[in-house]
Amino acid sequence: MLFNRHKLEIPAADQALTGRAEQWFDLPERHAVLDAPLVTDDSNIPDGFEVAVFGLGCFWGAEEIFWRMPGVWSTSAGYAGGTTPHPSYEEVCSGQTGHTEAVRVVFDPSKVAYADLVKAFYEFHDPTQGMRQGNDVGTQYRSAIYTLSAEQEETARKLTSAYEPELTRRGYGAITTEIKPAPTYYYAEAYHQQYLAKNPNGYRCHSATGVPFPS
């Protein structure tokens, strides 16, 4: 099977699609599973709660992983890590925005630690595949941890260093996960939000390695 090599390369800012000045679609007010606000910011996130952003392949299944975790208050599917403002799904899939499919997770750290979210992130996909997850190929499927504090970055890097030798020992390559401060997160269109709650037999693509996180 042949793939457009440009879909495997993140475009430079001056080569990315221009996008839009603002969000061009409406979103539900409430999360379809957790009944928390879907769109979250400082105005509606409870005091003491934190935000995490991950990219681990198709965001339909990725979001489901996190909304099922106790202590998670809200999740959403979106786009992050690229250049194009307010992109559409089709634009992201073109490889011309630089974004990866991402999940925004709002959680109560008194009930679930950020480290536990990172461990789940690693165990539910293959972080060694570069610009793909299984048969899903393109920059929008790359593995990413976008951190919102120095503490999150330290935890993410520490756990990455702990997990990589386990993968290597089992015959996998180096971890290719992108770890960097969280860029602007753009919500995906309404039909992507909690997709698998609305379509229980829908597509899930997570090329999980089956390698448990070391204790």
N, C-alpha and C. Protein backbone atom coordinates (compact mmCIF):
# COMPACT_ATOMS: atom_id res chain seq x y z
N MET A 1 0.85 -1.19 0.00
CA MET A 1 0.00 0.00 0.00
C MET A 1 0.89 1.24 0.00
N LEU A 2 0.54 2.22 -0.82
CA LEU A 2 1.33 3.43 -0.93
C LEU A 2 0.70 4.55 -0.13
N PHE A 3 1.51 5.34 0.55
CA PHE A 3 1.03 6.46 1.33
C PHE A 3 1.71 7.73 0.84
N ASN A 4 0.98 8.82 0.87
CA ASN A 4 1.55 10.12 0.54
C ASN A 4 2.58 10.47 1.61
N ARG A 5 3.82 10.62 1.20
CA ARG A 5 4.89 10.86 2.18
C ARG A 5 4.65 12.14 2.96
N HIS A 6 3.90 13.10 2.36
CA HIS A 6 3.66 14.36 3.05
C HIS A 6 2.75 14.17 4.26
N LYS A 7 1.96 13.09 4.27
CA LYS A 7 1.12 12.82 5.43
C LYS A 7 1.95 12.29 6.59
N LEU A 8 3.21 12.00 6.35
CA LEU A 8 4.09 11.51 7.41
C LEU A 8 5.04 12.61 7.89
N GLU A 9 4.86 13.82 7.39
CA GLU A 9 5.71 14.93 7.76
C GLU A 9 4.84 16.08 8.26
N ILE A 10 5.21 16.66 9.39
CA ILE A 10 4.47 17.80 9.92
C ILE A 10 4.82 19.03 9.09
N PRO A 11 3.83 19.70 8.52
CA PRO A 11 4.14 20.84 7.66
C PRO A 11 4.68 22.04 8.44
N ALA A 12 5.54 22.79 7.81
CA ALA A 12 6.01 24.05 8.40
C ALA A 12 4.83 25.01 8.51
N ALA A 13 4.95 25.97 9.42
CA ALA A 13 3.84 26.89 9.66
C ALA A 13 3.40 27.61 8.39
N ASP A 14 4.34 27.96 7.53
CA ASP A 14 3.98 28.69 6.31
C ASP A 14 3.44 27.79 5.21
N GLN A 15 3.42 26.47 5.48
CA GLN A 15 2.88 25.53 4.51
C GLN A 15 1.56 24.91 4.98
N ALA A 16 1.17 25.19 6.21
CA ALA A 16 -0.06 24.62 6.77
C ALA A 16 -1.28 25.38 6.25
N LEU A 17 -2.43 24.72 6.32
CA LEU A 17 -3.68 25.36 5.93
C LEU A 17 -3.96 26.56 6.82
N THR A 18 -4.64 27.54 6.28
CA THR A 18 -4.83 28.80 7.01
C THR A 18 -5.87 28.70 8.12
N GLY A 19 -6.85 27.80 7.99
CA GLY A 19 -7.84 27.62 9.05
C GLY A 19 -8.84 28.75 9.14
N ARG A 20 -9.33 29.01 10.37
CA ARG A 20 -10.41 29.96 10.60
C ARG A 20 -10.13 30.81 11.84
N ALA A 21 -10.83 31.89 11.95
CA ALA A 21 -10.63 32.80 13.07
C ALA A 21 -11.34 32.32 14.33
N GLU A 22 -12.36 31.49 14.17
CA GLU A 22 -13.13 31.04 15.34
C GLU A 22 -13.78 29.69 15.05
N GLN A 23 -14.24 29.05 16.12
CA GLN A 23 -14.92 27.77 15.98
C GLN A 23 -16.18 27.96 15.13
N TRP A 24 -16.40 27.07 14.20
CA TRP A 24 -17.45 27.25 13.20
C TRP A 24 -18.63 26.28 13.37
N PHE A 25 -18.72 25.63 14.53
CA PHE A 25 -19.80 24.67 14.78
C PHE A 25 -20.17 24.75 16.26
N ASP A 26 -21.35 24.24 16.56
CA ASP A 26 -21.82 24.21 17.95
C ASP A 26 -21.48 22.88 18.60
N LEU A 27 -21.35 22.90 19.92
CA LEU A 27 -21.09 21.69 20.69
C LEU A 27 -22.16 21.54 21.77
N PRO A 28 -22.45 20.30 22.18
CA PRO A 28 -23.39 20.10 23.30
C PRO A 28 -22.85 20.75 24.57
N GLU A 29 -23.74 21.14 25.44
CA GLU A 29 -23.30 21.73 26.70
C GLU A 29 -22.76 20.67 27.66
N ARG A 30 -23.33 19.47 27.61
CA ARG A 30 -22.99 18.44 28.59
C ARG A 30 -22.30 17.25 27.93
N HIS A 31 -21.43 16.62 28.71
CA HIS A 31 -20.76 15.38 28.31
C HIS A 31 -21.80 14.26 28.26
N ALA A 32 -21.80 13.48 27.18
CA ALA A 32 -22.83 12.47 26.97
C ALA A 32 -22.76 11.32 27.96
N VAL A 33 -21.61 11.13 28.61
CA VAL A 33 -21.45 10.03 29.56
C VAL A 33 -21.35 10.54 31.00
N LEU A 34 -20.51 11.53 31.21
CA LEU A 34 -20.20 11.99 32.56
C LEU A 34 -21.12 13.10 33.05
N ASP A 35 -21.90 13.69 32.18
CA ASP A 35 -22.84 14.76 32.51
C ASP A 35 -22.15 15.95 33.17
N ALA A 36 -20.90 16.17 32.82
CA ALA A 36 -20.17 17.37 33.21
C ALA A 36 -20.17 18.31 32.00
N PRO A 37 -19.73 19.53 32.16
CA PRO A 37 -19.59 20.38 30.98
C PRO A 37 -18.65 19.74 29.96
N LEU A 38 -19.01 19.83 28.69
CA LEU A 38 -18.14 19.29 27.65
C LEU A 38 -17.00 20.26 27.36
N VAL A 39 -17.33 21.51 27.15
CA VAL A 39 -16.32 22.55 26.94
C VAL A 39 -15.92 23.08 28.30
N THR A 40 -14.65 22.94 28.62
CA THR A 40 -14.19 23.28 29.97
C THR A 40 -13.11 24.34 29.93
N ASP A 41 -13.13 25.21 30.94
CA ASP A 41 -12.10 26.22 31.10
C ASP A 41 -12.10 26.65 32.57
N ASP A 42 -11.34 27.68 32.88
CA ASP A 42 -11.21 28.09 34.27
C ASP A 42 -12.54 28.51 34.89
N SER A 43 -13.51 28.85 34.06
CA SER A 43 -14.79 29.32 34.60
C SER A 43 -15.68 28.21 35.13
N ASN A 44 -15.44 26.97 34.69
CA ASN A 44 -16.34 25.89 35.12
C ASN A 44 -15.64 24.64 35.64
N ILE A 45 -14.32 24.63 35.66
CA ILE A 45 -13.60 23.49 36.23
C ILE A 45 -13.53 23.67 37.74
N PRO A 46 -13.93 22.66 38.51
CA PRO A 46 -13.89 22.79 39.98
C PRO A 46 -12.49 23.09 40.50
N ASP A 47 -12.43 23.82 41.58
CA ASP A 47 -11.16 24.13 42.21
C ASP A 47 -10.39 22.85 42.54
N GLY A 48 -9.12 22.87 42.25
CA GLY A 48 -8.27 21.72 42.57
C GLY A 48 -8.18 20.68 41.47
N PHE A 49 -9.08 20.75 40.50
CA PHE A 49 -9.02 19.80 39.39
C PHE A 49 -7.93 20.22 38.41
N GLU A 50 -7.45 19.27 37.60
CA GLU A 50 -6.38 19.53 36.65
C GLU A 50 -6.78 19.06 35.26
N VAL A 51 -6.01 19.49 34.28
CA VAL A 51 -6.25 19.15 32.88
C VAL A 51 -5.04 18.42 32.32
N ALA A 52 -5.30 17.41 31.52
CA ALA A 52 -4.24 16.68 30.81
C ALA A 52 -4.65 16.57 29.34
N VAL A 53 -3.66 16.53 28.45
CA VAL A 53 -3.95 16.39 27.02
C VAL A 53 -3.03 15.32 26.45
N PHE A 54 -3.65 14.36 25.74
CA PHE A 54 -2.91 13.23 25.19
C PHE A 54 -3.32 13.00 23.73
N GLY A 55 -2.38 12.47 22.95
CA GLY A 55 -2.67 11.98 21.61
C GLY A 55 -2.22 10.54 21.52
N LEU A 56 -3.14 9.64 21.21
CA LEU A 56 -2.78 8.21 21.14
C LEU A 56 -3.55 7.49 20.05
N GLY A 57 -3.54 8.09 18.87
CA GLY A 57 -4.26 7.51 17.76
C GLY A 57 -5.68 8.04 17.69
N CYS A 58 -6.55 7.32 17.01
CA CYS A 58 -7.93 7.75 16.79
C CYS A 58 -8.58 8.19 18.10
N PHE A 59 -9.11 9.40 18.11
CA PHE A 59 -9.60 9.95 19.38
C PHE A 59 -10.92 9.35 19.84
N TRP A 60 -11.61 8.61 19.00
CA TRP A 60 -12.86 7.97 19.45
C TRP A 60 -12.58 7.01 20.60
N GLY A 61 -11.66 6.08 20.36
CA GLY A 61 -11.33 5.10 21.40
C GLY A 61 -10.51 5.69 22.51
N ALA A 62 -9.67 6.67 22.18
CA ALA A 62 -8.83 7.29 23.21
C ALA A 62 -9.69 7.99 24.25
N GLU A 63 -10.71 8.70 23.81
CA GLU A 63 -11.56 9.40 24.77
C GLU A 63 -12.27 8.41 25.69
N GLU A 64 -12.73 7.30 25.12
CA GLU A 64 -13.44 6.29 25.91
C GLU A 64 -12.57 5.74 27.03
N ILE A 65 -11.29 5.53 26.74
CA ILE A 65 -10.36 5.01 27.75
C ILE A 65 -10.38 5.90 28.99
N PHE A 66 -10.33 7.20 28.77
CA PHE A 66 -10.21 8.12 29.91
C PHE A 66 -11.54 8.40 30.60
N TRP A 67 -12.65 8.45 29.87
CA TRP A 67 -13.91 8.73 30.58
C TRP A 67 -14.30 7.57 31.48
N ARG A 68 -13.73 6.39 31.23
CA ARG A 68 -14.03 5.23 32.07
C ARG A 68 -13.19 5.19 33.35
N MET A 69 -12.19 6.04 33.46
CA MET A 69 -11.31 6.00 34.62
C MET A 69 -11.93 6.77 35.79
N PRO A 70 -12.05 6.13 36.96
CA PRO A 70 -12.56 6.85 38.14
C PRO A 70 -11.71 8.08 38.43
N GLY A 71 -12.37 9.17 38.76
CA GLY A 71 -11.66 10.40 39.05
C GLY A 71 -11.59 11.36 37.88
N VAL A 72 -11.96 10.87 36.68
CA VAL A 72 -12.02 11.75 35.51
C VAL A 72 -13.38 12.43 35.49
N TRP A 73 -13.38 13.74 35.39
CA TRP A 73 -14.60 14.55 35.49
C TRP A 73 -15.21 14.87 34.13
N SER A 74 -14.35 15.13 33.15
CA SER A 74 -14.82 15.43 31.80
C SER A 74 -13.73 15.09 30.79
N THR A 75 -14.17 14.75 29.58
CA THR A 75 -13.24 14.50 28.48
C THR A 75 -13.80 15.12 27.21
N SER A 76 -12.94 15.32 26.25
CA SER A 76 -13.40 15.76 24.94
C SER A 76 -12.40 15.31 23.90
N ALA A 77 -12.85 15.26 22.64
CA ALA A 77 -12.00 14.95 21.50
C ALA A 77 -11.66 16.24 20.79
N GLY A 78 -10.41 16.34 20.35
CA GLY A 78 -10.02 17.57 19.67
C GLY A 78 -8.74 17.41 18.88
N TYR A 79 -8.16 18.54 18.54
CA TYR A 79 -6.96 18.59 17.72
C TYR A 79 -5.92 19.47 18.42
N ALA A 80 -4.66 19.06 18.37
CA ALA A 80 -3.60 19.82 19.04
C ALA A 80 -2.26 19.52 18.41
N GLY A 81 -1.32 20.41 18.64
CA GLY A 81 0.05 20.16 18.23
C GLY A 81 0.43 20.71 16.88
N GLY A 82 -0.55 21.27 16.16
CA GLY A 82 -0.27 21.78 14.83
C GLY A 82 -0.31 23.29 14.74
N THR A 83 -0.56 23.78 13.53
CA THR A 83 -0.52 25.20 13.25
C THR A 83 -1.89 25.77 12.90
N THR A 84 -2.67 25.05 12.13
CA THR A 84 -3.93 25.56 11.59
C THR A 84 -4.94 25.85 12.70
N PRO A 85 -5.43 27.10 12.81
CA PRO A 85 -6.44 27.39 13.84
C PRO A 85 -7.82 26.87 13.43
N HIS A 86 -8.52 26.32 14.41
CA HIS A 86 -9.89 25.84 14.24
C HIS A 86 -10.04 24.97 12.97
N PRO A 87 -9.31 23.88 12.92
CA PRO A 87 -9.36 23.04 11.72
C PRO A 87 -10.62 22.17 11.69
N SER A 88 -10.92 21.64 10.53
CA SER A 88 -11.96 20.62 10.41
C SER A 88 -11.31 19.24 10.46
N TYR A 89 -12.13 18.23 10.69
CA TYR A 89 -11.62 16.86 10.72
C TYR A 89 -10.97 16.51 9.38
N GLU A 90 -11.60 16.89 8.29
CA GLU A 90 -11.07 16.57 6.97
C GLU A 90 -9.72 17.25 6.76
N GLU A 91 -9.59 18.46 7.25
CA GLU A 91 -8.31 19.16 7.12
C GLU A 91 -7.22 18.48 7.94
N VAL A 92 -7.55 18.05 9.13
CA VAL A 92 -6.57 17.35 9.96
C VAL A 92 -6.15 16.05 9.28
N CYS A 93 -7.11 15.34 8.71
CA CYS A 93 -6.80 14.07 8.04
C CYS A 93 -5.96 14.27 6.77
N SER A 94 -5.97 15.49 6.23
CA SER A 94 -5.17 15.75 5.04
C SER A 94 -3.67 15.79 5.34
N GLY A 95 -3.33 15.94 6.63
CA GLY A 95 -1.93 16.06 7.00
C GLY A 95 -1.38 17.46 6.81
N GLN A 96 -2.24 18.41 6.48
CA GLN A 96 -1.77 19.76 6.17
C GLN A 96 -2.01 20.77 7.30
N THR A 97 -2.37 20.27 8.48
CA THR A 97 -2.56 21.17 9.63
C THR A 97 -1.47 21.01 10.68
N GLY A 98 -0.83 19.85 10.70
CA GLY A 98 0.17 19.55 11.73
C GLY A 98 -0.42 19.03 13.02
N HIS A 99 -1.75 18.99 13.13
CA HIS A 99 -2.37 18.57 14.38
C HIS A 99 -2.39 17.04 14.51
N THR A 100 -2.42 16.58 15.75
CA THR A 100 -2.71 15.19 16.04
C THR A 100 -4.10 15.12 16.68
N GLU A 101 -4.77 13.99 16.51
CA GLU A 101 -6.05 13.79 17.20
C GLU A 101 -5.74 13.66 18.69
N ALA A 102 -6.42 14.45 19.49
CA ALA A 102 -6.07 14.55 20.90
C ALA A 102 -7.30 14.40 21.79
N VAL A 103 -7.04 14.13 23.05
CA VAL A 103 -8.09 14.04 24.06
C VAL A 103 -7.72 14.96 25.21
N ARG A 104 -8.67 15.78 25.61
CA ARG A 104 -8.50 16.66 26.77
C ARG A 104 -9.22 16.01 27.94
N VAL A 105 -8.50 15.85 29.04
CA VAL A 105 -9.02 15.14 30.21
C VAL A 105 -8.99 16.09 31.41
N VAL A 106 -10.14 16.27 32.04
CA VAL A 106 -10.22 17.05 33.27
C VAL A 106 -10.42 16.06 34.41
N PHE A 107 -9.57 16.11 35.41
CA PHE A 107 -9.58 15.07 36.44
C PHE A 107 -9.38 15.64 37.83
N ASP A 108 -9.81 14.85 38.80
CA ASP A 108 -9.65 15.20 40.21
C ASP A 108 -8.41 14.48 40.73
N PRO A 109 -7.30 15.20 40.96
CA PRO A 109 -6.06 14.54 41.37
C PRO A 109 -6.13 13.87 42.75
N SER A 110 -7.20 14.16 43.52
CA SER A 110 -7.36 13.46 44.79
C SER A 110 -7.93 12.06 44.59
N LYS A 111 -8.41 11.78 43.37
CA LYS A 111 -8.99 10.48 43.06
C LYS A 111 -8.21 9.69 42.02
N VAL A 112 -7.54 10.39 41.12
CA VAL A 112 -6.70 9.72 40.12
C VAL A 112 -5.49 10.62 39.87
N ALA A 113 -4.31 10.03 40.00
CA ALA A 113 -3.07 10.79 39.82
C ALA A 113 -2.77 10.99 38.34
N TYR A 114 -2.11 12.09 38.04
CA TYR A 114 -1.68 12.32 36.67
C TYR A 114 -0.81 11.16 36.18
N ALA A 115 0.01 10.61 37.06
CA ALA A 115 0.86 9.47 36.68
C ALA A 115 0.02 8.29 36.21
N ASP A 116 -1.13 8.07 36.81
CA ASP A 116 -1.99 6.96 36.40
C ASP A 116 -2.58 7.21 35.02
N LEU A 117 -2.86 8.46 34.71
CA LEU A 117 -3.33 8.78 33.36
C LEU A 117 -2.24 8.51 32.33
N VAL A 118 -1.01 8.88 32.67
CA VAL A 118 0.10 8.64 31.75
C VAL A 118 0.33 7.14 31.56
N LYS A 119 0.24 6.38 32.62
CA LYS A 119 0.40 4.93 32.49
C LYS A 119 -0.68 4.33 31.60
N ALA A 120 -1.92 4.76 31.78
CA ALA A 120 -3.01 4.28 30.92
C ALA A 120 -2.76 4.68 29.46
N PHE A 121 -2.32 5.89 29.27
CA PHE A 121 -1.96 6.37 27.93
C PHE A 121 -0.99 5.42 27.26
N TYR A 122 0.07 5.04 27.96
CA TYR A 122 1.08 4.18 27.36
C TYR A 122 0.57 2.75 27.14
N GLU A 123 -0.24 2.24 28.03
CA GLU A 123 -0.67 0.85 27.92
C GLU A 123 -1.75 0.63 26.86
N PHE A 124 -2.42 1.69 26.43
CA PHE A 124 -3.53 1.52 25.49
C PHE A 124 -3.17 1.89 24.05
N HIS A 125 -1.89 2.11 23.76
CA HIS A 125 -1.50 2.28 22.36
C HIS A 125 -0.03 1.88 22.24
N ASP A 126 0.47 1.90 21.01
CA ASP A 126 1.88 1.59 20.78
C ASP A 126 2.63 2.89 20.55
N PRO A 127 3.40 3.34 21.53
CA PRO A 127 4.08 4.63 21.42
C PRO A 127 5.37 4.59 20.61
N THR A 128 5.61 3.49 19.90
CA THR A 128 6.85 3.35 19.13
C THR A 128 6.62 3.47 17.63
N GLN A 129 5.41 3.78 17.21
CA GLN A 129 5.08 3.67 15.78
C GLN A 129 5.24 4.96 14.99
N GLY A 130 5.66 6.03 15.61
CA GLY A 130 5.86 7.26 14.85
C GLY A 130 4.55 7.84 14.37
N MET A 131 4.45 8.10 13.08
CA MET A 131 3.27 8.75 12.50
C MET A 131 2.19 7.75 12.10
N ARG A 132 1.85 6.88 13.06
CA ARG A 132 0.81 5.90 12.76
C ARG A 132 0.37 5.20 14.04
N GLN A 133 -0.79 4.56 13.97
CA GLN A 133 -1.21 3.57 14.95
C GLN A 133 -1.85 2.45 14.15
N GLY A 134 -1.16 1.33 14.08
CA GLY A 134 -1.68 0.20 13.29
C GLY A 134 -1.87 0.61 11.84
N ASN A 135 -3.09 0.38 11.32
CA ASN A 135 -3.38 0.71 9.93
C ASN A 135 -3.71 2.19 9.73
N ASP A 136 -3.82 2.94 10.82
CA ASP A 136 -4.08 4.37 10.71
C ASP A 136 -2.74 5.09 10.54
N VAL A 137 -2.56 5.70 9.38
CA VAL A 137 -1.27 6.29 9.04
C VAL A 137 -1.42 7.78 8.79
N GLY A 138 -0.54 8.57 9.39
CA GLY A 138 -0.54 10.01 9.19
C GLY A 138 -0.11 10.74 10.44
N THR A 139 0.26 12.00 10.28
CA THR A 139 0.73 12.78 11.42
C THR A 139 -0.35 12.95 12.48
N GLN A 140 -1.62 12.83 12.08
CA GLN A 140 -2.73 13.01 13.04
C GLN A 140 -2.87 11.84 14.00
N TYR A 141 -2.10 10.78 13.78
CA TYR A 141 -2.16 9.62 14.68
C TYR A 141 -0.92 9.48 15.54
N ARG A 142 -0.07 10.50 15.54
CA ARG A 142 1.18 10.37 16.31
C ARG A 142 0.89 10.42 17.81
N SER A 143 1.80 9.83 18.55
CA SER A 143 1.70 9.75 20.01
C SER A 143 2.21 11.05 20.63
N ALA A 144 1.43 11.59 21.58
CA ALA A 144 1.82 12.88 22.16
C ALA A 144 1.32 13.03 23.59
N ILE A 145 2.13 13.64 24.41
CA ILE A 145 1.73 14.09 25.75
C ILE A 145 1.99 15.59 25.79
N TYR A 146 0.93 16.35 25.93
CA TYR A 146 1.05 17.81 26.00
C TYR A 146 0.83 18.24 27.45
N THR A 147 1.86 18.77 28.05
CA THR A 147 1.85 19.02 29.48
C THR A 147 1.40 20.45 29.80
N LEU A 148 0.74 20.60 30.96
CA LEU A 148 0.24 21.90 31.37
C LEU A 148 0.95 22.46 32.60
N SER A 149 2.01 21.81 33.02
CA SER A 149 2.81 22.31 34.14
C SER A 149 4.17 21.63 34.11
N ALA A 150 5.11 22.22 34.84
CA ALA A 150 6.43 21.61 34.95
C ALA A 150 6.34 20.26 35.63
N GLU A 151 5.41 20.14 36.59
CA GLU A 151 5.24 18.87 37.30
C GLU A 151 4.74 17.78 36.36
N GLN A 152 3.80 18.14 35.48
CA GLN A 152 3.32 17.15 34.52
C GLN A 152 4.43 16.72 33.57
N GLU A 153 5.22 17.67 33.12
CA GLU A 153 6.32 17.31 32.22
C GLU A 153 7.32 16.38 32.91
N GLU A 154 7.66 16.69 34.14
CA GLU A 154 8.60 15.84 34.88
C GLU A 154 8.05 14.43 35.03
N THR A 155 6.77 14.31 35.38
CA THR A 155 6.15 13.00 35.53
C THR A 155 6.13 12.25 34.21
N ALA A 156 5.74 12.93 33.14
CA ALA A 156 5.66 12.28 31.83
C ALA A 156 7.02 11.77 31.38
N ARG A 157 8.04 12.57 31.56
CA ARG A 157 9.38 12.15 31.12
C ARG A 157 9.92 11.01 32.00
N LYS A 158 9.66 11.08 33.29
CA LYS A 158 10.12 10.03 34.20
C LYS A 158 9.46 8.69 33.86
N LEU A 159 8.15 8.72 33.59
CA LEU A 159 7.45 7.48 33.28
C LEU A 159 7.82 6.96 31.89
N THR A 160 8.10 7.86 30.98
CA THR A 160 8.55 7.44 29.65
C THR A 160 9.88 6.71 29.77
N SER A 161 10.76 7.25 30.56
CA SER A 161 12.08 6.62 30.76
C SER A 161 11.95 5.27 31.43
N ALA A 162 10.94 5.12 32.29
CA ALA A 162 10.74 3.84 32.97
C ALA A 162 10.11 2.79 32.05
N TYR A 163 9.28 3.24 31.12
CA TYR A 163 8.54 2.30 30.26
C TYR A 163 9.35 1.84 29.05
N GLU A 164 10.19 2.71 28.52
CA GLU A 164 10.91 2.37 27.29
C GLU A 164 11.76 1.10 27.40
N PRO A 165 12.49 0.90 28.52
CA PRO A 165 13.27 -0.34 28.61
C PRO A 165 12.39 -1.60 28.58
N GLU A 166 11.17 -1.51 29.13
CA GLU A 166 10.26 -2.65 29.08
C GLU A 166 9.88 -2.96 27.64
N LEU A 167 9.61 -1.93 26.86
CA LEU A 167 9.27 -2.14 25.46
C LEU A 167 10.45 -2.70 24.69
N THR A 168 11.63 -2.15 24.94
CA THR A 168 12.83 -2.63 24.26
C THR A 168 13.09 -4.09 24.57
N ARG A 169 12.88 -4.46 25.82
CA ARG A 169 13.11 -5.84 26.24
C ARG A 169 12.17 -6.80 25.52
N ARG A 170 11.00 -6.31 25.13
CA ARG A 170 10.01 -7.14 24.43
C ARG A 170 10.12 -7.03 22.91
N GLY A 171 11.15 -6.34 22.43
CA GLY A 171 11.38 -6.29 20.99
C GLY A 171 10.83 -5.08 20.27
N TYR A 172 10.33 -4.11 21.01
CA TYR A 172 9.82 -2.88 20.39
C TYR A 172 10.94 -1.86 20.24
N GLY A 173 10.71 -0.87 19.41
CA GLY A 173 11.69 0.18 19.20
C GLY A 173 11.60 1.26 20.26
N ALA A 174 12.27 2.36 20.00
CA ALA A 174 12.28 3.48 20.93
C ALA A 174 10.91 4.18 20.94
N ILE A 175 10.57 4.76 22.06
CA ILE A 175 9.34 5.53 22.16
C ILE A 175 9.46 6.80 21.32
N THR A 176 8.44 7.05 20.51
CA THR A 176 8.45 8.23 19.64
C THR A 176 7.49 9.31 20.14
N THR A 177 6.93 9.13 21.31
CA THR A 177 5.96 10.07 21.86
C THR A 177 6.53 11.48 21.95
N GLU A 178 5.74 12.43 21.46
CA GLU A 178 6.09 13.84 21.52
C GLU A 178 5.67 14.37 22.89
N ILE A 179 6.62 14.89 23.65
CA ILE A 179 6.31 15.48 24.97
C ILE A 179 6.72 16.94 24.93
N LYS A 180 5.72 17.81 25.08
CA LYS A 180 6.02 19.25 25.06
C LYS A 180 4.89 20.02 25.72
N PRO A 181 5.13 21.28 26.08
CA PRO A 181 4.07 22.07 26.70
C PRO A 181 2.83 22.12 25.81
N ALA A 182 1.68 22.10 26.44
CA ALA A 182 0.42 22.02 25.71
C ALA A 182 0.23 23.21 24.79
N PRO A 183 0.02 22.94 23.50
CA PRO A 183 -0.32 24.00 22.56
C PRO A 183 -1.82 24.29 22.64
N THR A 184 -2.31 25.15 21.79
CA THR A 184 -3.75 25.42 21.75
C THR A 184 -4.50 24.15 21.39
N TYR A 185 -5.55 23.89 22.13
CA TYR A 185 -6.40 22.72 21.89
C TYR A 185 -7.68 23.19 21.22
N TYR A 186 -8.01 22.56 20.10
CA TYR A 186 -9.22 22.90 19.37
C TYR A 186 -10.21 21.74 19.47
N TYR A 187 -11.41 22.01 19.94
CA TYR A 187 -12.42 20.96 20.04
C TYR A 187 -12.78 20.43 18.67
N ALA A 188 -12.97 19.11 18.59
CA ALA A 188 -13.45 18.49 17.35
C ALA A 188 -14.96 18.68 17.23
N GLU A 189 -15.45 18.44 16.05
CA GLU A 189 -16.86 18.60 15.75
C GLU A 189 -17.72 17.73 16.66
N ALA A 190 -18.99 18.10 16.81
CA ALA A 190 -19.88 17.48 17.78
C ALA A 190 -20.00 15.97 17.59
N TYR A 191 -20.02 15.50 16.36
CA TYR A 191 -20.23 14.07 16.15
C TYR A 191 -19.06 13.22 16.62
N HIS A 192 -17.91 13.84 16.85
CA HIS A 192 -16.76 13.09 17.38
C HIS A 192 -16.81 12.97 18.91
N GLN A 193 -17.55 13.82 19.57
CA GLN A 193 -17.55 13.84 21.03
C GLN A 193 -18.29 12.63 21.59
N GLN A 194 -17.59 11.86 22.46
CA GLN A 194 -18.15 10.65 23.05
C GLN A 194 -18.73 9.73 21.97
N TYR A 195 -18.01 9.63 20.89
CA TYR A 195 -18.48 8.89 19.72
C TYR A 195 -18.87 7.46 20.06
N LEU A 196 -18.06 6.80 20.87
CA LEU A 196 -18.33 5.38 21.14
C LEU A 196 -19.45 5.17 22.14
N ALA A 197 -19.84 6.20 22.87
CA ALA A 197 -21.04 6.09 23.70
C ALA A 197 -22.29 6.11 22.83
N LYS A 198 -22.20 6.82 21.72
CA LYS A 198 -23.33 6.91 20.79
C LYS A 198 -23.31 5.78 19.77
N ASN A 199 -22.13 5.24 19.53
CA ASN A 199 -21.94 4.16 18.54
C ASN A 199 -21.10 3.06 19.19
N PRO A 200 -21.71 2.24 20.06
CA PRO A 200 -20.93 1.27 20.85
C PRO A 200 -20.11 0.28 20.02
N ASN A 201 -20.54 0.03 18.80
CA ASN A 201 -19.79 -0.90 17.95
C ASN A 201 -18.90 -0.16 16.96
N GLY A 202 -18.64 1.10 17.26
CA GLY A 202 -17.82 1.91 16.37
C GLY A 202 -16.35 1.53 16.40
N TYR A 203 -15.60 2.23 15.57
CA TYR A 203 -14.20 1.90 15.34
C TYR A 203 -13.31 2.24 16.53
N ARG A 204 -12.50 1.27 16.91
CA ARG A 204 -11.46 1.46 17.93
C ARG A 204 -10.14 0.99 17.33
N CYS A 205 -9.19 1.87 17.26
CA CYS A 205 -7.87 1.43 16.78
C CYS A 205 -6.82 1.80 17.79
N HIS A 206 -6.40 0.84 18.57
CA HIS A 206 -5.28 1.06 19.47
C HIS A 206 -4.37 -0.15 19.38
N SER A 207 -3.26 0.06 18.73
CA SER A 207 -2.30 -1.02 18.55
C SER A 207 -1.51 -1.23 19.82
N ALA A 208 -2.22 -1.59 20.88
CA ALA A 208 -1.59 -1.75 22.18
C ALA A 208 -0.52 -2.84 22.12
N THR A 209 0.57 -2.61 22.81
CA THR A 209 1.68 -3.57 22.80
C THR A 209 1.41 -4.76 23.70
N GLY A 210 0.53 -4.59 24.67
CA GLY A 210 0.32 -5.65 25.66
C GLY A 210 1.38 -5.66 26.74
N VAL A 211 2.27 -4.67 26.71
CA VAL A 211 3.34 -4.60 27.71
C VAL A 211 2.84 -3.78 28.89
N PRO A 212 2.71 -4.40 30.07
CA PRO A 212 2.24 -3.65 31.23
C PRO A 212 3.28 -2.67 31.72
N PHE A 213 2.80 -1.62 32.35
CA PHE A 213 3.74 -0.64 32.92
C PHE A 213 4.43 -1.28 34.11
N PRO A 214 5.74 -1.11 34.23
CA PRO A 214 6.46 -1.75 35.35
C PRO A 214 5.98 -1.19 36.69
N SER A 215 5.93 -2.06 37.67
CA SER A 215 5.47 -1.63 38.99
C SER A 215 6.56 -0.84 39.69
